[in-house]
């Protein structure tokens, strides 16, 4: 598979079974660390190894034999570089990628900031995390509610 084919394949995997997450970890006395992660889970290891070879990251097993799945994860600046490459090809998760790209590209080192700037930066990170979560939830709700809408069209008086 050449480089452009692998990039297109990766975009399809992200749209189909990929996850784009802005996470937060607490440490110390009230400190929070935000991070970006893109992951793809698959039954076969080889395609994920190809992604690792092209876009960095790690491939690890998930589950126990005989049903072992594999997960490819890329974080931080490697995730940013990956999302910038696949963003033009994403159909379903384009907005997710845009939020994640903005998050990582604008992320500033908290240790170099004054107290007020630090709080502003943490608020911006938390806002982008919530925006990404809402997009993910909305997508799940939309898919789950489609049969209900069809029922409401056939029987206009019904309420759910």
N, C-alpha and C. Protein backbone atom coordinates (compact mmCIF):
# COMPACT_ATOMS: atom_id res chain seq x y z
N UNK A 1 0.86 -1.17 0.00
CA UNK A 1 0.00 0.00 0.00
C UNK A 1 0.91 1.24 0.00
N UNK A 2 0.69 2.16 -0.95
CA UNK A 2 1.52 3.37 -0.97
C UNK A 2 1.04 4.38 0.08
N UNK A 3 1.76 5.48 0.23
CA UNK A 3 1.50 6.44 1.31
C UNK A 3 0.11 7.06 1.22
N UNK A 4 -0.33 7.45 0.02
CA UNK A 4 -1.65 8.09 -0.10
C UNK A 4 -2.77 7.07 0.14
N UNK A 5 -2.57 5.83 -0.29
CA UNK A 5 -3.57 4.79 -0.03
C UNK A 5 -3.67 4.50 1.46
N UNK A 6 -2.52 4.46 2.14
CA UNK A 6 -2.52 4.20 3.58
C UNK A 6 -3.19 5.34 4.34
N UNK A 7 -2.98 6.57 3.90
CA UNK A 7 -3.63 7.71 4.54
C UNK A 7 -5.14 7.63 4.36
N UNK A 8 -5.60 7.30 3.17
CA UNK A 8 -7.03 7.14 2.91
C UNK A 8 -7.61 5.99 3.73
N UNK A 9 -6.87 4.89 3.80
CA UNK A 9 -7.30 3.73 4.58
C UNK A 9 -7.42 4.12 6.05
N UNK A 10 -6.43 4.86 6.56
CA UNK A 10 -6.44 5.30 7.96
C UNK A 10 -7.65 6.19 8.23
N UNK A 11 -7.97 7.09 7.30
CA UNK A 11 -9.15 7.95 7.47
C UNK A 11 -10.42 7.12 7.55
N UNK A 12 -10.52 6.10 6.70
CA UNK A 12 -11.69 5.22 6.75
C UNK A 12 -11.79 4.48 8.07
N UNK A 13 -10.66 4.03 8.59
CA UNK A 13 -10.66 3.35 9.89
C UNK A 13 -11.08 4.30 11.00
N UNK A 14 -10.59 5.53 10.96
CA UNK A 14 -10.98 6.51 11.99
C UNK A 14 -12.48 6.76 11.91
N UNK A 15 -13.01 6.98 10.70
CA UNK A 15 -14.44 7.20 10.55
C UNK A 15 -15.25 6.00 11.03
N UNK A 16 -14.78 4.80 10.73
CA UNK A 16 -15.55 3.60 11.04
C UNK A 16 -15.42 3.12 12.47
N UNK A 17 -14.21 2.95 12.94
CA UNK A 17 -14.04 2.37 14.28
C UNK A 17 -13.00 3.11 15.11
N UNK A 18 -12.67 4.31 14.73
CA UNK A 18 -11.67 5.09 15.47
C UNK A 18 -12.29 5.93 16.56
N UNK A 19 -11.46 6.33 17.49
CA UNK A 19 -11.88 7.17 18.60
C UNK A 19 -10.90 8.33 18.73
N UNK A 20 -11.43 9.54 18.81
CA UNK A 20 -10.63 10.74 19.04
C UNK A 20 -11.03 11.26 20.41
N UNK A 21 -10.07 11.34 21.33
CA UNK A 21 -10.38 11.69 22.72
C UNK A 21 -9.47 12.80 23.21
N UNK A 22 -10.06 13.75 23.92
CA UNK A 22 -9.31 14.68 24.73
C UNK A 22 -9.57 14.24 26.16
N UNK A 23 -8.54 13.75 26.82
CA UNK A 23 -8.69 13.24 28.18
C UNK A 23 -8.04 14.14 29.19
N UNK A 24 -8.35 13.87 30.44
CA UNK A 24 -7.76 14.64 31.54
C UNK A 24 -7.35 13.69 32.65
N UNK A 25 -6.16 13.88 33.17
CA UNK A 25 -5.67 13.10 34.30
C UNK A 25 -5.34 14.05 35.44
N UNK A 26 -5.76 13.66 36.63
CA UNK A 26 -5.45 14.48 37.81
C UNK A 26 -4.23 13.91 38.50
N UNK A 27 -3.39 14.79 38.98
CA UNK A 27 -2.21 14.37 39.72
C UNK A 27 -1.86 15.42 40.75
N UNK A 28 -1.14 15.00 41.75
CA UNK A 28 -0.70 15.95 42.78
C UNK A 28 -1.86 16.60 43.51
N UNK A 29 -1.66 17.83 43.90
CA UNK A 29 -2.69 18.58 44.63
C UNK A 29 -3.46 19.48 43.68
N UNK A 30 -4.47 18.93 43.06
CA UNK A 30 -5.34 19.72 42.20
C UNK A 30 -4.81 20.00 40.82
N UNK A 31 -3.76 19.34 40.40
CA UNK A 31 -3.20 19.54 39.07
C UNK A 31 -3.93 18.66 38.07
N UNK A 32 -4.12 19.18 36.87
CA UNK A 32 -4.79 18.45 35.80
C UNK A 32 -3.91 18.47 34.56
N UNK A 33 -3.80 17.34 33.92
CA UNK A 33 -3.05 17.24 32.67
C UNK A 33 -4.02 16.77 31.59
N UNK A 34 -4.15 17.55 30.52
CA UNK A 34 -5.02 17.18 29.40
C UNK A 34 -4.18 16.58 28.28
N UNK A 35 -4.74 15.63 27.56
CA UNK A 35 -4.01 14.95 26.50
C UNK A 35 -4.95 14.58 25.36
N UNK A 36 -4.36 14.44 24.19
CA UNK A 36 -5.09 14.04 22.98
C UNK A 36 -4.67 12.63 22.61
N UNK A 37 -5.64 11.80 22.29
CA UNK A 37 -5.36 10.43 21.85
C UNK A 37 -6.29 10.05 20.70
N UNK A 38 -5.72 9.40 19.71
CA UNK A 38 -6.49 8.80 18.62
C UNK A 38 -6.22 7.31 18.69
N UNK A 39 -7.29 6.50 18.64
CA UNK A 39 -7.09 5.06 18.68
C UNK A 39 -8.02 4.38 17.69
N UNK A 40 -7.54 3.22 17.23
CA UNK A 40 -8.32 2.39 16.31
C UNK A 40 -8.20 0.95 16.80
N UNK A 41 -9.33 0.27 16.92
CA UNK A 41 -9.36 -1.12 17.37
C UNK A 41 -9.72 -2.00 16.18
N UNK A 42 -9.00 -3.12 16.04
CA UNK A 42 -9.25 -4.02 14.92
C UNK A 42 -8.95 -5.46 15.33
N UNK A 43 -9.52 -6.40 14.58
CA UNK A 43 -9.29 -7.81 14.84
C UNK A 43 -7.94 -8.27 14.29
N UNK A 44 -7.45 -7.61 13.26
CA UNK A 44 -6.19 -7.98 12.63
C UNK A 44 -5.09 -7.00 13.03
N UNK A 45 -3.91 -7.52 13.29
CA UNK A 45 -2.80 -6.70 13.74
C UNK A 45 -2.09 -5.97 12.59
N UNK A 46 -1.96 -6.61 11.44
CA UNK A 46 -1.13 -6.10 10.35
C UNK A 46 -1.51 -4.69 9.89
N UNK A 47 -2.79 -4.38 9.65
CA UNK A 47 -3.11 -3.01 9.22
C UNK A 47 -2.70 -1.96 10.26
N UNK A 48 -2.82 -2.31 11.53
CA UNK A 48 -2.45 -1.37 12.59
C UNK A 48 -0.93 -1.20 12.65
N UNK A 49 -0.20 -2.26 12.36
CA UNK A 49 1.26 -2.16 12.30
C UNK A 49 1.69 -1.24 11.16
N UNK A 50 0.94 -1.27 10.06
CA UNK A 50 1.23 -0.36 8.95
C UNK A 50 1.00 1.09 9.38
N UNK A 51 -0.07 1.33 10.14
CA UNK A 51 -0.32 2.68 10.65
C UNK A 51 0.82 3.12 11.58
N UNK A 52 1.25 2.21 12.43
CA UNK A 52 2.36 2.51 13.34
C UNK A 52 3.62 2.87 12.55
N UNK A 53 3.89 2.13 11.49
CA UNK A 53 5.06 2.40 10.68
C UNK A 53 5.02 3.76 10.00
N UNK A 54 3.83 4.20 9.64
CA UNK A 54 3.68 5.48 8.92
C UNK A 54 3.46 6.67 9.85
N UNK A 55 2.65 6.46 10.91
CA UNK A 55 2.20 7.58 11.75
C UNK A 55 2.67 7.51 13.21
N UNK A 56 3.59 6.61 13.53
CA UNK A 56 4.07 6.42 14.91
C UNK A 56 2.99 5.73 15.75
N UNK A 57 3.03 5.86 17.06
CA UNK A 57 2.07 5.25 17.95
C UNK A 57 2.49 3.87 18.41
N UNK A 58 1.56 3.17 19.06
CA UNK A 58 1.82 1.83 19.57
C UNK A 58 0.68 0.90 19.17
N UNK A 59 0.99 -0.38 19.04
CA UNK A 59 -0.01 -1.42 18.78
C UNK A 59 0.06 -2.40 19.94
N UNK A 60 -1.06 -2.60 20.62
CA UNK A 60 -1.09 -3.50 21.77
C UNK A 60 -2.29 -4.43 21.68
N UNK A 61 -2.17 -5.64 22.26
CA UNK A 61 -3.31 -6.57 22.27
C UNK A 61 -4.32 -6.17 23.32
N UNK A 62 -5.58 -6.47 23.04
CA UNK A 62 -6.66 -6.22 23.98
C UNK A 62 -7.49 -7.49 24.05
N UNK A 63 -7.79 -7.95 25.24
CA UNK A 63 -8.59 -9.16 25.41
C UNK A 63 -7.71 -10.39 25.58
N UNK A 64 -8.38 -11.56 25.62
CA UNK A 64 -7.67 -12.83 25.82
C UNK A 64 -7.95 -13.78 24.66
N UNK A 65 -7.03 -14.71 24.48
CA UNK A 65 -7.19 -15.72 23.43
C UNK A 65 -8.48 -16.49 23.69
N UNK A 66 -9.21 -16.92 22.74
CA UNK A 66 -8.92 -16.86 21.31
C UNK A 66 -9.41 -15.58 20.63
N UNK A 67 -9.99 -14.66 21.38
CA UNK A 67 -10.56 -13.45 20.76
C UNK A 67 -9.73 -12.22 21.09
N UNK A 68 -8.52 -12.21 20.67
CA UNK A 68 -7.64 -11.06 20.90
C UNK A 68 -7.88 -10.03 19.80
N UNK A 69 -8.12 -8.81 20.20
CA UNK A 69 -8.18 -7.68 19.27
C UNK A 69 -6.91 -6.87 19.46
N UNK A 70 -6.71 -5.94 18.56
CA UNK A 70 -5.53 -5.08 18.61
C UNK A 70 -5.96 -3.64 18.60
N UNK A 71 -5.21 -2.81 19.29
CA UNK A 71 -5.52 -1.38 19.31
C UNK A 71 -4.26 -0.58 19.00
N UNK A 72 -4.43 0.37 18.08
CA UNK A 72 -3.35 1.30 17.74
C UNK A 72 -3.69 2.62 18.41
N UNK A 73 -2.71 3.18 19.12
CA UNK A 73 -2.90 4.46 19.80
C UNK A 73 -1.77 5.41 19.41
N UNK A 74 -2.15 6.65 19.21
CA UNK A 74 -1.17 7.71 18.98
C UNK A 74 -1.62 8.90 19.83
N UNK A 75 -0.65 9.58 20.45
CA UNK A 75 -1.00 10.64 21.39
C UNK A 75 -0.22 11.92 21.12
N UNK A 76 -0.74 13.02 21.66
CA UNK A 76 -0.04 14.30 21.65
C UNK A 76 0.27 14.82 20.26
N UNK A 77 1.52 15.22 20.06
CA UNK A 77 1.93 15.82 18.79
C UNK A 77 1.88 14.82 17.64
N UNK A 78 2.12 13.53 17.93
CA UNK A 78 1.98 12.51 16.88
C UNK A 78 0.52 12.39 16.44
N UNK A 79 -0.40 12.50 17.41
CA UNK A 79 -1.83 12.47 17.08
C UNK A 79 -2.21 13.70 16.26
N UNK A 80 -1.64 14.84 16.60
CA UNK A 80 -1.88 16.07 15.84
C UNK A 80 -1.43 15.91 14.40
N UNK A 81 -0.22 15.41 14.19
CA UNK A 81 0.30 15.20 12.83
C UNK A 81 -0.58 14.22 12.06
N UNK A 82 -1.01 13.14 12.72
CA UNK A 82 -1.88 12.16 12.08
C UNK A 82 -3.21 12.79 11.66
N UNK A 83 -3.85 13.52 12.58
CA UNK A 83 -5.15 14.12 12.27
C UNK A 83 -5.04 15.16 11.16
N UNK A 84 -3.95 15.89 11.12
CA UNK A 84 -3.77 16.86 10.03
C UNK A 84 -3.68 16.16 8.68
N UNK A 85 -3.11 14.97 8.66
CA UNK A 85 -2.99 14.20 7.40
C UNK A 85 -4.33 13.64 6.95
N UNK A 86 -5.13 13.11 7.89
CA UNK A 86 -6.37 12.43 7.49
C UNK A 86 -7.59 13.34 7.48
N UNK A 87 -7.50 14.52 8.09
CA UNK A 87 -8.67 15.41 8.21
C UNK A 87 -9.38 15.67 6.88
N UNK A 88 -8.69 15.96 5.78
CA UNK A 88 -9.41 16.22 4.52
C UNK A 88 -10.21 15.03 4.01
N UNK A 89 -9.90 13.84 4.49
CA UNK A 89 -10.56 12.63 4.00
C UNK A 89 -11.68 12.14 4.93
N UNK A 90 -11.79 12.69 6.12
CA UNK A 90 -12.79 12.23 7.08
C UNK A 90 -14.18 12.68 6.66
N UNK A 91 -15.13 11.77 6.75
CA UNK A 91 -16.52 12.06 6.41
C UNK A 91 -17.37 12.24 7.67
N UNK A 92 -17.24 11.33 8.62
CA UNK A 92 -18.09 11.35 9.81
C UNK A 92 -17.46 12.09 10.99
N UNK A 93 -16.17 12.02 11.11
CA UNK A 93 -15.51 12.57 12.29
C UNK A 93 -14.64 13.78 11.96
N UNK A 94 -15.01 14.50 10.92
CA UNK A 94 -14.26 15.69 10.55
C UNK A 94 -14.29 16.76 11.61
N UNK A 95 -15.46 17.02 12.18
CA UNK A 95 -15.58 18.05 13.23
C UNK A 95 -14.82 17.62 14.48
N UNK A 96 -14.86 16.33 14.80
CA UNK A 96 -14.10 15.82 15.94
C UNK A 96 -12.61 16.12 15.74
N UNK A 97 -12.13 15.84 14.54
CA UNK A 97 -10.71 16.07 14.23
C UNK A 97 -10.37 17.55 14.32
N UNK A 98 -11.26 18.42 13.86
CA UNK A 98 -10.99 19.86 13.91
C UNK A 98 -10.83 20.34 15.35
N UNK A 99 -11.70 19.88 16.24
CA UNK A 99 -11.60 20.26 17.65
C UNK A 99 -10.30 19.74 18.24
N UNK A 100 -9.97 18.48 17.94
CA UNK A 100 -8.75 17.87 18.47
C UNK A 100 -7.50 18.59 17.95
N UNK A 101 -7.51 18.94 16.68
CA UNK A 101 -6.37 19.65 16.09
C UNK A 101 -6.20 21.01 16.76
N UNK A 102 -7.30 21.74 16.95
CA UNK A 102 -7.23 23.04 17.62
C UNK A 102 -6.72 22.88 19.05
N UNK A 103 -7.21 21.86 19.74
CA UNK A 103 -6.78 21.61 21.11
C UNK A 103 -5.27 21.43 21.19
N UNK A 104 -4.73 20.52 20.40
CA UNK A 104 -3.31 20.19 20.50
C UNK A 104 -2.42 21.31 19.95
N UNK A 105 -2.87 21.93 18.87
CA UNK A 105 -2.05 23.00 18.25
C UNK A 105 -1.92 24.21 19.17
N UNK A 106 -2.97 24.49 19.94
CA UNK A 106 -2.97 25.68 20.81
C UNK A 106 -2.54 25.37 22.24
N UNK A 107 -2.28 24.11 22.54
CA UNK A 107 -1.94 23.70 23.90
C UNK A 107 -0.63 24.36 24.33
N UNK A 108 -0.65 24.94 25.52
CA UNK A 108 0.52 25.64 26.05
C UNK A 108 1.00 24.94 27.31
N UNK A 109 2.29 25.02 27.57
CA UNK A 109 2.88 24.41 28.76
C UNK A 109 2.45 25.20 29.99
N UNK A 110 1.74 24.55 30.90
CA UNK A 110 1.20 25.23 32.07
C UNK A 110 2.29 25.76 33.00
N UNK A 111 3.43 25.10 33.01
CA UNK A 111 4.52 25.54 33.90
C UNK A 111 5.08 26.89 33.52
N UNK A 112 4.89 27.31 32.28
CA UNK A 112 5.44 28.60 31.84
C UNK A 112 4.43 29.74 31.97
N UNK A 113 3.22 29.45 32.43
CA UNK A 113 2.17 30.46 32.48
C UNK A 113 1.99 31.02 33.89
N UNK A 114 1.53 32.26 33.94
CA UNK A 114 1.15 32.88 35.20
C UNK A 114 -0.17 32.27 35.65
N UNK A 115 -0.54 32.51 36.90
CA UNK A 115 -1.74 31.89 37.49
C UNK A 115 -2.99 32.16 36.65
N UNK A 116 -3.26 33.40 36.28
CA UNK A 116 -4.47 33.72 35.52
C UNK A 116 -4.45 33.06 34.14
N UNK A 117 -3.30 33.11 33.48
CA UNK A 117 -3.18 32.45 32.17
C UNK A 117 -3.37 30.95 32.30
N UNK A 118 -2.88 30.37 33.38
CA UNK A 118 -3.02 28.94 33.61
C UNK A 118 -4.49 28.55 33.71
N UNK A 119 -5.26 29.33 34.47
CA UNK A 119 -6.69 29.04 34.61
C UNK A 119 -7.43 29.20 33.28
N UNK A 120 -7.04 30.20 32.51
CA UNK A 120 -7.65 30.40 31.19
C UNK A 120 -7.34 29.23 30.27
N UNK A 121 -6.10 28.77 30.29
CA UNK A 121 -5.68 27.64 29.46
C UNK A 121 -6.43 26.36 29.88
N UNK A 122 -6.55 26.13 31.17
CA UNK A 122 -7.28 24.94 31.64
C UNK A 122 -8.76 25.01 31.26
N UNK A 123 -9.34 26.19 31.33
CA UNK A 123 -10.74 26.35 30.93
C UNK A 123 -10.92 26.09 29.43
N UNK A 124 -9.98 26.57 28.61
CA UNK A 124 -10.05 26.32 27.18
C UNK A 124 -9.96 24.83 26.89
N UNK A 125 -9.04 24.15 27.55
CA UNK A 125 -8.87 22.70 27.34
C UNK A 125 -10.14 21.95 27.75
N UNK A 126 -10.69 22.31 28.90
CA UNK A 126 -11.90 21.64 29.39
C UNK A 126 -13.07 21.87 28.44
N UNK A 127 -13.18 23.08 27.89
CA UNK A 127 -14.25 23.39 26.94
C UNK A 127 -14.12 22.54 25.69
N UNK A 128 -12.91 22.40 25.16
CA UNK A 128 -12.73 21.58 23.96
C UNK A 128 -12.99 20.11 24.25
N UNK A 129 -12.65 19.67 25.44
CA UNK A 129 -12.94 18.28 25.83
C UNK A 129 -14.45 18.04 25.83
N UNK A 130 -15.20 18.96 26.41
CA UNK A 130 -16.66 18.83 26.47
C UNK A 130 -17.26 18.90 25.06
N UNK A 131 -16.76 19.79 24.22
CA UNK A 131 -17.27 19.89 22.84
C UNK A 131 -17.10 18.56 22.10
N UNK A 132 -15.96 17.93 22.26
CA UNK A 132 -15.71 16.65 21.60
C UNK A 132 -16.63 15.57 22.17
N UNK A 133 -16.83 15.56 23.48
CA UNK A 133 -17.73 14.59 24.10
C UNK A 133 -19.16 14.77 23.59
N UNK A 134 -19.60 16.02 23.47
CA UNK A 134 -20.96 16.28 23.00
C UNK A 134 -21.15 15.81 21.57
N UNK A 135 -20.15 16.02 20.72
CA UNK A 135 -20.23 15.53 19.34
C UNK A 135 -20.37 14.02 19.31
N UNK A 136 -19.59 13.34 20.13
CA UNK A 136 -19.63 11.88 20.18
C UNK A 136 -20.99 11.41 20.69
N UNK A 137 -21.49 12.03 21.72
CA UNK A 137 -22.81 11.65 22.26
C UNK A 137 -23.92 11.92 21.25
N UNK A 138 -23.87 13.07 20.59
CA UNK A 138 -24.89 13.44 19.63
C UNK A 138 -24.92 12.42 18.49
N UNK A 139 -23.77 11.97 18.06
CA UNK A 139 -23.70 10.99 16.98
C UNK A 139 -24.35 9.69 17.41
N UNK A 140 -24.11 9.24 18.65
CA UNK A 140 -24.72 8.01 19.15
C UNK A 140 -26.23 8.18 19.28
N UNK A 141 -26.68 9.31 19.81
CA UNK A 141 -28.11 9.56 19.99
C UNK A 141 -28.80 9.63 18.64
N UNK A 142 -28.20 10.28 17.66
CA UNK A 142 -28.79 10.38 16.33
C UNK A 142 -29.03 9.01 15.74
N UNK A 143 -28.02 8.14 15.82
CA UNK A 143 -28.17 6.80 15.26
C UNK A 143 -29.23 6.01 16.01
N UNK A 144 -29.29 6.16 17.33
CA UNK A 144 -30.26 5.41 18.12
C UNK A 144 -31.67 5.92 17.90
N UNK A 145 -31.83 7.20 17.57
CA UNK A 145 -33.18 7.75 17.46
C UNK A 145 -33.76 7.66 16.05
N UNK A 146 -33.00 7.22 15.08
CA UNK A 146 -33.53 7.14 13.72
C UNK A 146 -34.77 6.25 13.60
N UNK A 147 -34.81 5.04 14.22
CA UNK A 147 -36.03 4.24 14.12
C UNK A 147 -37.23 4.93 14.76
N UNK A 148 -36.99 5.70 15.83
CA UNK A 148 -38.08 6.42 16.49
C UNK A 148 -38.67 7.45 15.53
N UNK A 149 -37.83 8.17 14.83
CA UNK A 149 -38.33 9.17 13.88
C UNK A 149 -39.16 8.52 12.79
N UNK A 150 -38.74 7.37 12.31
CA UNK A 150 -39.50 6.68 11.27
C UNK A 150 -40.87 6.29 11.81
N UNK A 151 -40.93 5.84 13.06
CA UNK A 151 -42.20 5.47 13.68
C UNK A 151 -43.08 6.70 13.82
N UNK A 152 -42.50 7.83 14.19
CA UNK A 152 -43.29 9.05 14.36
C UNK A 152 -43.84 9.52 13.02
N UNK A 153 -43.13 9.30 11.92
CA UNK A 153 -43.65 9.68 10.62
C UNK A 153 -44.85 8.83 10.23
N UNK A 154 -44.79 7.55 10.56
CA UNK A 154 -45.92 6.66 10.20
C UNK A 154 -47.11 6.90 11.11
N UNK A 155 -46.85 7.19 12.39
CA UNK A 155 -47.90 7.40 13.35
C UNK A 155 -47.68 8.75 14.02
N UNK A 156 -48.14 9.84 13.39
CA UNK A 156 -47.82 11.19 13.85
C UNK A 156 -48.20 11.48 15.30
N UNK A 157 -49.17 10.83 15.84
CA UNK A 157 -49.62 11.12 17.21
C UNK A 157 -48.76 10.48 18.29
N UNK A 158 -47.85 9.63 17.94
CA UNK A 158 -47.07 8.91 18.96
C UNK A 158 -46.01 9.81 19.57
N UNK A 159 -45.76 9.57 20.86
CA UNK A 159 -44.73 10.30 21.58
C UNK A 159 -43.76 9.30 22.16
N UNK A 160 -42.53 9.76 22.24
CA UNK A 160 -41.51 8.88 22.81
C UNK A 160 -40.95 9.50 24.06
